Every structure is written in C-alpha cells, then in structure tokens.
Amino acid sequence: VNLPLDFSISHSEPLVVCALSGTAKVGVDTERYRPPNST
C-alpha cells in the first residue's frame, strides 16, 4: 500500500492472522500442527 507501513497475512483452517508494522518489513505465517509429509 502507498502508506508508511508493511503487512502480511496468513490463514490455516480457522486461524486467520494479519501482521502490520510501520517500522519494519514484516512477514507472518501460521500453520496447524499436522503429521510430517514428504512434500
């Protein structure tokens, strides 16, 4: 956005998250625990 801020969004099943900052580049990720997979 053309504003002095950075943002990132993530969602995993019911949990939805947004991170915002006016002082740093930011990234967010949320994951539900699940059994390992080869991918």
PDB file of all heavy atoms in Angstrom:
ATOM      1  N   VAL A   1       0.856  -1.190   0.000  1.00  0.00           N
ATOM      2  CA  VAL A   1       0.000   0.000   0.000  1.00  0.00           C
ATOM      3  C   VAL A   1       0.890   1.237   0.000  1.00  0.00           C
ATOM      4  O   VAL A   1       2.027   1.203   0.487  1.00  0.00           O
ATOM      5  CB  VAL A   1      -0.943   0.026   1.221  1.00  0.00           C
ATOM      6  CG1 VAL A   1      -1.940  -1.117   1.150  1.00  0.00           C
ATOM      7  CG2 VAL A   1      -0.154  -0.043   2.517  1.00  0.00           C
ATOM      8  N   ASN A   2       0.381   2.329  -0.539  1.00  0.00           N
ATOM      9  CA  ASN A   2       1.142   3.572  -0.605  1.00  0.00           C
ATOM     10  C   ASN A   2       1.002   4.341   0.711  1.00  0.00           C
ATOM     11  O   ASN A   2       0.517   5.469   0.761  1.00  0.00           O
ATOM     12  CB  ASN A   2       0.657   4.418  -1.784  1.00  0.00           C
ATOM     13  CG  ASN A   2       1.564   5.609  -2.040  1.00  0.00           C
ATOM     14  OD1 ASN A   2       2.747   5.582  -1.713  1.00  0.00           O
ATOM     15  ND2 ASN A   2       0.997   6.669  -2.610  1.00  0.00           N
ATOM     16  N   LEU A   3       1.417   3.664   1.772  1.00  0.00           N
ATOM     17  CA  LEU A   3       1.397   4.215   3.121  1.00  0.00           C
ATOM     18  C   LEU A   3       2.682   3.788   3.821  1.00  0.00           C
ATOM     19  O   LEU A   3       3.309   2.802   3.410  1.00  0.00           O
ATOM     20  CB  LEU A   3       0.183   3.687   3.909  1.00  0.00           C
ATOM     21  CG  LEU A   3      -1.210   4.125   3.437  1.00  0.00           C
ATOM     22  CD1 LEU A   3      -2.285   3.329   4.164  1.00  0.00           C
ATOM     23  CD2 LEU A   3      -1.416   5.619   3.661  1.00  0.00           C
ATOM     24  N   PRO A   4       3.083   4.484   4.879  1.00  0.00           N
ATOM     25  CA  PRO A   4       4.317   4.117   5.576  1.00  0.00           C
ATOM     26  C   PRO A   4       4.141   2.892   6.478  1.00  0.00           C
ATOM     27  O   PRO A   4       4.297   2.971   7.714  1.00  0.00           O
ATOM     28  CB  PRO A   4       4.635   5.382   6.384  1.00  0.00           C
ATOM     29  CG  PRO A   4       3.295   5.973   6.670  1.00  0.00           C
ATOM     30  CD  PRO A   4       2.486   5.722   5.432  1.00  0.00           C
ATOM     31  N   LEU A   5       3.816   1.763   5.865  1.00  0.00           N
ATOM     32  CA  LEU A   5       3.638   0.534   6.632  1.00  0.00           C
ATOM     33  C   LEU A   5       3.819  -0.682   5.729  1.00  0.00           C
ATOM     34  O   LEU A   5       3.746  -0.584   4.501  1.00  0.00           O
ATOM     35  CB  LEU A   5       2.250   0.498   7.285  1.00  0.00           C
ATOM     36  CG  LEU A   5       1.010   0.526   6.383  1.00  0.00           C
ATOM     37  CD1 LEU A   5       0.597  -0.875   5.925  1.00  0.00           C
ATOM     38  CD2 LEU A   5      -0.155   1.190   7.104  1.00  0.00           C
ATOM     39  N   ASP A   6       4.056  -1.809   6.345  1.00  0.00           N
ATOM     40  CA  ASP A   6       4.146  -3.076   5.628  1.00  0.00           C
ATOM     41  C   ASP A   6       3.192  -4.054   6.306  1.00  0.00           C
ATOM     42  O   ASP A   6       2.877  -3.908   7.495  1.00  0.00           O
ATOM     43  CB  ASP A   6       5.578  -3.614   5.665  1.00  0.00           C
ATOM     44  CG  ASP A   6       5.796  -4.754   4.668  1.00  0.00           C
ATOM     45  OD1 ASP A   6       5.135  -4.744   3.604  1.00  0.00           O
ATOM     46  OD2 ASP A   6       6.614  -5.646   4.950  1.00  0.00           O
ATOM     47  N   PHE A   7       2.740  -5.050   5.562  1.00  0.00           N
ATOM     48  CA  PHE A   7       1.798  -6.004   6.148  1.00  0.00           C
ATOM     49  C   PHE A   7       1.986  -7.388   5.545  1.00  0.00           C
ATOM     50  O   PHE A   7       2.604  -7.569   4.497  1.00  0.00           O
ATOM     51  CB  PHE A   7       0.349  -5.542   5.934  1.00  0.00           C
ATOM     52  CG  PHE A   7      -0.129  -5.654   4.504  1.00  0.00           C
ATOM     53  CD1 PHE A   7      -0.748  -6.818   4.058  1.00  0.00           C
ATOM     54  CD2 PHE A   7       0.047  -4.612   3.611  1.00  0.00           C
ATOM     55  CE1 PHE A   7      -1.190  -6.925   2.737  1.00  0.00           C
ATOM     56  CE2 PHE A   7      -0.387  -4.711   2.302  1.00  0.00           C
ATOM     57  CZ  PHE A   7      -1.005  -5.869   1.861  1.00  0.00           C
ATOM     58  N   SER A   8       1.421  -8.361   6.227  1.00  0.00           N
ATOM     59  CA  SER A   8       1.448  -9.744   5.754  1.00  0.00           C
ATOM     60  C   SER A   8       0.252 -10.454   6.356  1.00  0.00           C
ATOM     61  O   SER A   8      -0.151 -10.164   7.489  1.00  0.00           O
ATOM     62  CB  SER A   8       2.754 -10.429   6.194  1.00  0.00           C
ATOM     63  OG  SER A   8       2.799 -11.782   5.764  1.00  0.00           O
ATOM     64  N   ILE A   9      -0.341 -11.373   5.611  1.00  0.00           N
ATOM     65  CA  ILE A   9      -1.497 -12.123   6.111  1.00  0.00           C
ATOM     66  C   ILE A   9      -1.266 -13.619   5.936  1.00  0.00           C
ATOM     67  O   ILE A   9      -0.488 -14.053   5.084  1.00  0.00           O
ATOM     68  CB  ILE A   9      -2.806 -11.702   5.408  1.00  0.00           C
ATOM     69  CG1 ILE A   9      -2.710 -11.912   3.886  1.00  0.00           C
ATOM     70  CG2 ILE A   9      -3.150 -10.259   5.735  1.00  0.00           C
ATOM     71  CD1 ILE A   9      -3.992 -11.540   3.150  1.00  0.00           C
ATOM     72  N   SER A  10      -1.954 -14.403   6.766  1.00  0.00           N
ATOM     73  CA  SER A  10      -1.831 -15.858   6.702  1.00  0.00           C
ATOM     74  C   SER A  10      -3.081 -16.473   7.298  1.00  0.00           C
ATOM     75  O   SER A  10      -3.719 -15.888   8.181  1.00  0.00           O
ATOM     76  CB  SER A  10      -0.587 -16.322   7.487  1.00  0.00           C
ATOM     77  OG  SER A  10      -0.456 -17.727   7.462  1.00  0.00           O
ATOM     78  N   HIS A  11      -3.419 -17.662   6.822  1.00  0.00           N
ATOM     79  CA  HIS A  11      -4.522 -18.391   7.456  1.00  0.00           C
ATOM     80  C   HIS A  11      -4.308 -19.889   7.289  1.00  0.00           C
ATOM     81  O   HIS A  11      -3.778 -20.360   6.283  1.00  0.00           O
ATOM     82  CB  HIS A  11      -5.884 -17.982   6.904  1.00  0.00           C
ATOM     83  CG  HIS A  11      -6.033 -18.090   5.421  1.00  0.00           C
ATOM     84  ND1 HIS A  11      -6.459 -19.244   4.791  1.00  0.00           N
ATOM     85  CD2 HIS A  11      -5.836 -17.186   4.440  1.00  0.00           C
ATOM     86  CE1 HIS A  11      -6.509 -19.032   3.487  1.00  0.00           C
ATOM     87  NE2 HIS A  11      -6.128 -17.792   3.249  1.00  0.00           N
ATOM     88  N   SER A  12      -4.668 -20.614   8.324  1.00  0.00           N
ATOM     89  CA  SER A  12      -4.579 -22.077   8.320  1.00  0.00           C
ATOM     90  C   SER A  12      -5.811 -22.599   9.024  1.00  0.00           C
ATOM     91  O   SER A  12      -5.956 -22.471  10.239  1.00  0.00           O
ATOM     92  CB  SER A  12      -3.306 -22.531   9.051  1.00  0.00           C
ATOM     93  OG  SER A  12      -3.217 -23.942   9.079  1.00  0.00           O
ATOM     94  N   GLU A  13      -6.738 -23.120   8.208  1.00  0.00           N
ATOM     95  CA  GLU A  13      -8.032 -23.575   8.730  1.00  0.00           C
ATOM     96  C   GLU A  13      -8.699 -22.411   9.488  1.00  0.00           C
ATOM     97  O   GLU A  13      -8.729 -21.302   8.959  1.00  0.00           O
ATOM     98  CB  GLU A  13      -7.835 -24.856   9.519  1.00  0.00           C
ATOM     99  CG  GLU A  13      -7.272 -25.990   8.644  1.00  0.00           C
ATOM    100  CD  GLU A  13      -7.094 -27.290   9.372  1.00  0.00           C
ATOM    101  OE1 GLU A  13      -7.810 -27.551  10.349  1.00  0.00           O
ATOM    102  OE2 GLU A  13      -6.234 -28.071   8.948  1.00  0.00           O
ATOM    103  N   PRO A  14      -9.190 -22.577  10.737  1.00  0.00           N
ATOM    104  CA  PRO A  14      -9.935 -21.460  11.332  1.00  0.00           C
ATOM    105  C   PRO A  14      -9.095 -20.264  11.766  1.00  0.00           C
ATOM    106  O   PRO A  14      -9.635 -19.183  11.978  1.00  0.00           O
ATOM    107  CB  PRO A  14     -10.599 -22.106  12.560  1.00  0.00           C
ATOM    108  CG  PRO A  14     -10.578 -23.563  12.301  1.00  0.00           C
ATOM    109  CD  PRO A  14      -9.322 -23.802  11.544  1.00  0.00           C
ATOM    110  N   LEU A  15      -7.779 -20.424  11.931  1.00  0.00           N
ATOM    111  CA  LEU A  15      -6.957 -19.324  12.426  1.00  0.00           C
ATOM    112  C   LEU A  15      -6.510 -18.418  11.283  1.00  0.00           C
ATOM    113  O   LEU A  15      -5.871 -18.859  10.329  1.00  0.00           O
ATOM    114  CB  LEU A  15      -5.730 -19.866  13.160  1.00  0.00           C
ATOM    115  CG  LEU A  15      -4.776 -18.822  13.749  1.00  0.00           C
ATOM    116  CD1 LEU A  15      -5.500 -17.912  14.730  1.00  0.00           C
ATOM    117  CD2 LEU A  15      -3.598 -19.508  14.433  1.00  0.00           C
ATOM    118  N   VAL A  16      -6.857 -17.137  11.398  1.00  0.00           N
ATOM    119  CA  VAL A  16      -6.537 -16.134  10.374  1.00  0.00           C
ATOM    120  C   VAL A  16      -5.746 -15.020  11.046  1.00  0.00           C
ATOM    121  O   VAL A  16      -6.135 -14.529  12.105  1.00  0.00           O
ATOM    122  CB  VAL A  16      -7.828 -15.565   9.742  1.00  0.00           C
ATOM    123  CG1 VAL A  16      -7.490 -14.589   8.623  1.00  0.00           C
ATOM    124  CG2 VAL A  16      -8.716 -16.700   9.226  1.00  0.00           C
ATOM    125  N   VAL A  17      -4.630 -14.612  10.431  1.00  0.00           N
ATOM    126  CA  VAL A  17      -3.712 -13.675  11.068  1.00  0.00           C
ATOM    127  C   VAL A  17      -3.290 -12.579  10.096  1.00  0.00           C
ATOM    128  O   VAL A  17      -3.087 -12.832   8.904  1.00  0.00           O
ATOM    129  CB  VAL A  17      -2.440 -14.400  11.577  1.00  0.00           C
ATOM    130  CG1 VAL A  17      -1.563 -13.432  12.367  1.00  0.00           C
ATOM    131  CG2 VAL A  17      -2.794 -15.608  12.425  1.00  0.00           C
ATOM    132  N   CYS A  18      -3.133 -11.374  10.609  1.00  0.00           N
ATOM    133  CA  CYS A  18      -2.566 -10.263   9.851  1.00  0.00           C
ATOM    134  C   CYS A  18      -1.528  -9.569  10.722  1.00  0.00           C
ATOM    135  O   CYS A  18      -1.781  -9.282  11.889  1.00  0.00           O
ATOM    136  CB  CYS A  18      -3.655  -9.261   9.451  1.00  0.00           C
ATOM    137  SG  CYS A  18      -3.022  -7.790   8.591  1.00  0.00           S
ATOM    138  N   ALA A  19      -0.347  -9.328  10.166  1.00  0.00           N
ATOM    139  CA  ALA A  19       0.714  -8.600  10.861  1.00  0.00           C
ATOM    140  C   ALA A  19       0.956  -7.287  10.140  1.00  0.00           C
ATOM    141  O   ALA A  19       1.031  -7.249   8.909  1.00  0.00           O
ATOM    142  CB  ALA A  19       1.993  -9.428  10.896  1.00  0.00           C
ATOM    143  N   LEU A  20       1.100  -6.204  10.886  1.00  0.00           N
ATOM    144  CA  LEU A  20       1.369  -4.885  10.317  1.00  0.00           C
ATOM    145  C   LEU A  20       2.499  -4.222  11.092  1.00  0.00           C
ATOM    146  O   LEU A  20       2.630  -4.408  12.302  1.00  0.00           O
ATOM    147  CB  LEU A  20       0.136  -3.988  10.381  1.00  0.00           C
ATOM    148  CG  LEU A  20      -1.158  -4.487   9.759  1.00  0.00           C
ATOM    149  CD1 LEU A  20      -2.073  -5.036  10.849  1.00  0.00           C
ATOM    150  CD2 LEU A  20      -1.861  -3.383   8.998  1.00  0.00           C
ATOM    151  N   SER A  21       3.298  -3.423  10.392  1.00  0.00           N
ATOM    152  CA  SER A  21       4.354  -2.670  11.036  1.00  0.00           C
ATOM    153  C   SER A  21       4.599  -1.373  10.286  1.00  0.00           C
ATOM    154  O   SER A  21       4.551  -1.337   9.055  1.00  0.00           O
ATOM    155  CB  SER A  21       5.652  -3.476  11.102  1.00  0.00           C
ATOM    156  OG  SER A  21       6.696  -2.715  11.697  1.00  0.00           O
ATOM    157  N   GLY A  22       4.875  -0.328  11.036  1.00  0.00           N
ATOM    158  CA  GLY A  22       5.258   0.949  10.448  1.00  0.00           C
ATOM    159  C   GLY A  22       6.739   1.198  10.563  1.00  0.00           C
ATOM    160  O   GLY A  22       7.217   2.282  10.205  1.00  0.00           O
ATOM    161  N   THR A  23       7.483   0.202  11.063  1.00  0.00           N
ATOM    162  CA  THR A  23       8.919   0.382  11.282  1.00  0.00           C
ATOM    163  C   THR A  23       9.774  -0.678  10.622  1.00  0.00           C
ATOM    164  O   THR A  23      11.003  -0.565  10.629  1.00  0.00           O
ATOM    165  CB  THR A  23       9.235   0.369  12.787  1.00  0.00           C
ATOM    166  OG1 THR A  23       8.814  -0.890  13.353  1.00  0.00           O
ATOM    167  CG2 THR A  23       8.520   1.506  13.501  1.00  0.00           C
ATOM    168  N   ALA A  24       9.168  -1.725  10.060  1.00  0.00           N
ATOM    169  CA  ALA A  24       9.959  -2.825   9.511  1.00  0.00           C
ATOM    170  C   ALA A  24       9.207  -3.536   8.401  1.00  0.00           C
ATOM    171  O   ALA A  24       7.973  -3.462   8.312  1.00  0.00           O
ATOM    172  CB  ALA A  24      10.300  -3.831  10.623  1.00  0.00           C
ATOM    173  N   LYS A  25       9.959  -4.217   7.539  1.00  0.00           N
ATOM    174  CA  LYS A  25       9.340  -5.157   6.616  1.00  0.00           C
ATOM    175  C   LYS A  25       8.921  -6.367   7.436  1.00  0.00           C
ATOM    176  O   LYS A  25       9.675  -6.840   8.291  1.00  0.00           O
ATOM    177  CB  LYS A  25      10.333  -5.565   5.519  1.00  0.00           C
ATOM    178  CG  LYS A  25      10.764  -4.437   4.609  1.00  0.00           C
ATOM    179  CD  LYS A  25      11.676  -4.929   3.500  1.00  0.00           C
ATOM    180  CE  LYS A  25      10.948  -5.869   2.543  1.00  0.00           C
ATOM    181  NZ  LYS A  25      11.801  -6.244   1.383  1.00  0.00           N
ATOM    182  N   VAL A  26       7.737  -6.889   7.178  1.00  0.00           N
ATOM    183  CA  VAL A  26       7.208  -7.928   8.046  1.00  0.00           C
ATOM    184  C   VAL A  26       6.571  -9.058   7.240  1.00  0.00           C
ATOM    185  O   VAL A  26       6.020  -8.839   6.157  1.00  0.00           O
ATOM    186  CB  VAL A  26       6.182  -7.324   9.041  1.00  0.00           C
ATOM    187  CG1 VAL A  26       4.946  -6.811   8.297  1.00  0.00           C
ATOM    188  CG2 VAL A  26       5.782  -8.318  10.103  1.00  0.00           C
ATOM    189  N   GLY A  27       6.669 -10.263   7.771  1.00  0.00           N
ATOM    190  CA  GLY A  27       6.011 -11.425   7.186  1.00  0.00           C
ATOM    191  C   GLY A  27       5.468 -12.294   8.304  1.00  0.00           C
ATOM    192  O   GLY A  27       6.088 -12.387   9.378  1.00  0.00           O
ATOM    193  N   VAL A  28       4.322 -12.910   8.094  1.00  0.00           N
ATOM    194  CA  VAL A  28       3.743 -13.776   9.111  1.00  0.00           C
ATOM    195  C   VAL A  28       3.260 -15.064   8.455  1.00  0.00           C
ATOM    196  O   VAL A  28       2.797 -15.059   7.310  1.00  0.00           O
ATOM    197  CB  VAL A  28       2.566 -13.081   9.857  1.00  0.00           C
ATOM    198  CG1 VAL A  28       1.378 -12.839   8.923  1.00  0.00           C
ATOM    199  CG2 VAL A  28       2.141 -13.884  11.073  1.00  0.00           C
ATOM    200  N   ASP A  29       3.399 -16.164   9.158  1.00  0.00           N
ATOM    201  CA  ASP A  29       2.842 -17.424   8.678  1.00  0.00           C
ATOM    202  C   ASP A  29       2.376 -18.246   9.867  1.00  0.00           C
ATOM    203  O   ASP A  29       3.068 -18.326  10.894  1.00  0.00           O
ATOM    204  CB  ASP A  29       3.863 -18.233   7.883  1.00  0.00           C
ATOM    205  CG  ASP A  29       3.212 -19.458   7.243  1.00  0.00           C
ATOM    206  OD1 ASP A  29       2.332 -19.268   6.376  1.00  0.00           O
ATOM    207  OD2 ASP A  29       3.543 -20.593   7.619  1.00  0.00           O
ATOM    208  N   THR A  30       1.203 -18.821   9.733  1.00  0.00           N
ATOM    209  CA  THR A  30       0.660 -19.693  10.770  1.00  0.00           C
ATOM    210  C   THR A  30       0.325 -21.041  10.163  1.00  0.00           C
ATOM    211  O   THR A  30      -0.157 -21.120   9.029  1.00  0.00           O
ATOM    212  CB  THR A  30      -0.580 -19.057  11.438  1.00  0.00           C
ATOM    213  OG1 THR A  30      -0.977 -19.863  12.557  1.00  0.00           O
ATOM    214  CG2 THR A  30      -1.756 -18.944  10.474  1.00  0.00           C
ATOM    215  N   GLU A  31       0.599 -22.099  10.899  1.00  0.00           N
ATOM    216  CA  GLU A  31       0.370 -23.450  10.415  1.00  0.00           C
ATOM    217  C   GLU A  31      -0.205 -24.307  11.530  1.00  0.00           C
ATOM    218  O   GLU A  31       0.252 -24.243  12.674  1.00  0.00           O
ATOM    219  CB  GLU A  31       1.672 -24.098   9.930  1.00  0.00           C
ATOM    220  CG  GLU A  31       2.387 -23.344   8.822  1.00  0.00           C
ATOM    221  CD  GLU A  31       1.671 -23.418   7.473  1.00  0.00           C
ATOM    222  OE1 GLU A  31       0.800 -24.295   7.313  1.00  0.00           O
ATOM    223  OE2 GLU A  31       1.987 -22.597   6.594  1.00  0.00           O
ATOM    224  N   ARG A  32      -1.197 -25.111  11.182  1.00  0.00           N
ATOM    225  CA  ARG A  32      -1.715 -26.066  12.162  1.00  0.00           C
ATOM    226  C   ARG A  32      -0.773 -27.256  12.214  1.00  0.00           C
ATOM    227  O   ARG A  32      -0.292 -27.733  11.186  1.00  0.00           O
ATOM    228  CB  ARG A  32      -3.117 -26.522  11.772  1.00  0.00           C
ATOM    229  CG  ARG A  32      -3.780 -27.394  12.830  1.00  0.00           C
ATOM    230  CD  ARG A  32      -5.259 -27.524  12.619  1.00  0.00           C
ATOM    231  NE  ARG A  32      -5.903 -28.046  13.809  1.00  0.00           N
ATOM    232  CZ  ARG A  32      -7.186 -27.914  14.087  1.00  0.00           C
ATOM    233  NH1 ARG A  32      -7.974 -27.256  13.245  1.00  0.00           N
ATOM    234  NH2 ARG A  32      -7.696 -28.406  15.187  1.00  0.00           N
ATOM    235  N   TYR A  33      -0.486 -27.722  13.418  1.00  0.00           N
ATOM    236  CA  TYR A  33       0.368 -28.899  13.551  1.00  0.00           C
ATOM    237  C   TYR A  33      -0.296 -30.096  12.875  1.00  0.00           C
ATOM    238  O   TYR A  33      -1.485 -30.355  13.085  1.00  0.00           O
ATOM    239  CB  TYR A  33       0.629 -29.220  15.023  1.00  0.00           C
ATOM    240  CG  TYR A  33       1.542 -28.244  15.697  1.00  0.00           C
ATOM    241  CD1 TYR A  33       1.076 -27.426  16.729  1.00  0.00           C
ATOM    242  CD2 TYR A  33       2.878 -28.132  15.328  1.00  0.00           C
ATOM    243  CE1 TYR A  33       1.916 -26.517  17.368  1.00  0.00           C
ATOM    244  CE2 TYR A  33       3.729 -27.230  15.958  1.00  0.00           C
ATOM    245  CZ  TYR A  33       3.246 -26.431  16.976  1.00  0.00           C
ATOM    246  OH  TYR A  33       4.076 -25.538  17.590  1.00  0.00           O
ATOM    247  N   ARG A  34       0.462 -30.797  12.054  1.00  0.00           N
ATOM    248  CA  ARG A  34      -0.035 -31.997  11.401  1.00  0.00           C
ATOM    249  C   ARG A  34       1.129 -32.942  11.158  1.00  0.00           C
ATOM    250  O   ARG A  34       2.293 -32.529  11.209  1.00  0.00           O
ATOM    251  CB  ARG A  34      -0.743 -31.650  10.081  1.00  0.00           C
ATOM    252  CG  ARG A  34       0.054 -30.808   9.106  1.00  0.00           C
ATOM    253  CD  ARG A  34      -0.827 -30.465   7.909  1.00  0.00           C
ATOM    254  NE  ARG A  34      -0.129 -29.727   6.874  1.00  0.00           N
ATOM    255  CZ  ARG A  34      -0.027 -28.403   6.808  1.00  0.00           C
ATOM    256  NH1 ARG A  34      -0.589 -27.669   7.750  1.00  0.00           N
ATOM    257  NH2 ARG A  34       0.616 -27.812   5.817  1.00  0.00           N
ATOM    258  N   PRO A  35       0.853 -34.223  10.880  1.00  0.00           N
ATOM    259  CA  PRO A  35       1.927 -35.198  10.691  1.00  0.00           C
ATOM    260  C   PRO A  35       2.850 -34.802   9.543  1.00  0.00           C
ATOM    261  O   PRO A  35       2.421 -34.163   8.575  1.00  0.00           O
ATOM    262  CB  PRO A  35       1.177 -36.502  10.376  1.00  0.00           C
ATOM    263  CG  PRO A  35      -0.177 -36.314  10.978  1.00  0.00           C
ATOM    264  CD  PRO A  35      -0.482 -34.849  10.808  1.00  0.00           C
ATOM    265  N   PRO A  36       4.131 -35.158   9.640  1.00  0.00           N
ATOM    266  CA  PRO A  36       5.081 -34.834   8.573  1.00  0.00           C
ATOM    267  C   PRO A  36       4.669 -35.444   7.242  1.00  0.00           C
ATOM    268  O   PRO A  36       4.032 -36.497   7.197  1.00  0.00           O
ATOM    269  CB  PRO A  36       6.389 -35.450   9.072  1.00  0.00           C
ATOM    270  CG  PRO A  36       6.231 -35.539  10.553  1.00  0.00           C
ATOM    271  CD  PRO A  36       4.778 -35.832  10.773  1.00  0.00           C
ATOM    272  N   ASN A  37       5.024 -34.747   6.156  1.00  0.00           N
ATOM    273  CA  ASN A  37       4.798 -35.306   4.827  1.00  0.00           C
ATOM    274  C   ASN A  37       6.013 -35.010   3.968  1.00  0.00           C
ATOM    275  O   ASN A  37       6.791 -34.083   4.239  1.00  0.00           O
ATOM    276  CB  ASN A  37       3.516 -34.749   4.187  1.00  0.00           C
ATOM    277  CG  ASN A  37       3.594 -33.259   3.934  1.00  0.00           C
ATOM    278  OD1 ASN A  37       4.281 -32.802   3.026  1.00  0.00           O
ATOM    279  ND2 ASN A  37       2.880 -32.479   4.754  1.00  0.00           N
ATOM    280  N   SER A  38       6.196 -35.811   2.938  1.00  0.00           N
ATOM    281  CA  SER A  38       7.407 -35.733   2.130  1.00  0.00           C
ATOM    282  C   SER A  38       7.519 -34.412   1.374  1.00  0.00           C
ATOM    283  O   SER A  38       8.630 -33.933   1.114  1.00  0.00           O
ATOM    284  CB  SER A  38       7.455 -36.903   1.140  1.00  0.00           C
ATOM    285  OG  SER A  38       6.301 -36.902   0.306  1.00  0.00           O
ATOM    286  N   THR A  39       6.381 -33.807   1.032  1.00  0.00           N
ATOM    287  CA  THR A  39       6.427 -32.542   0.284  1.00  0.00           C
ATOM    288  C   THR A  39       7.102 -31.447   1.096  1.00  0.00           C
ATOM    289  O   THR A  39       8.051 -30.804   0.639  1.00  0.00           O
ATOM    290  CB  THR A  39       5.009 -32.099  -0.116  1.00  0.00           C
ATOM    291  OG1 THR A  39       4.418 -33.100  -0.942  1.00  0.00           O
ATOM    292  CG2 THR A  39       5.076 -30.787  -0.889  1.00  0.00           C
TER     293      THR A  39
END
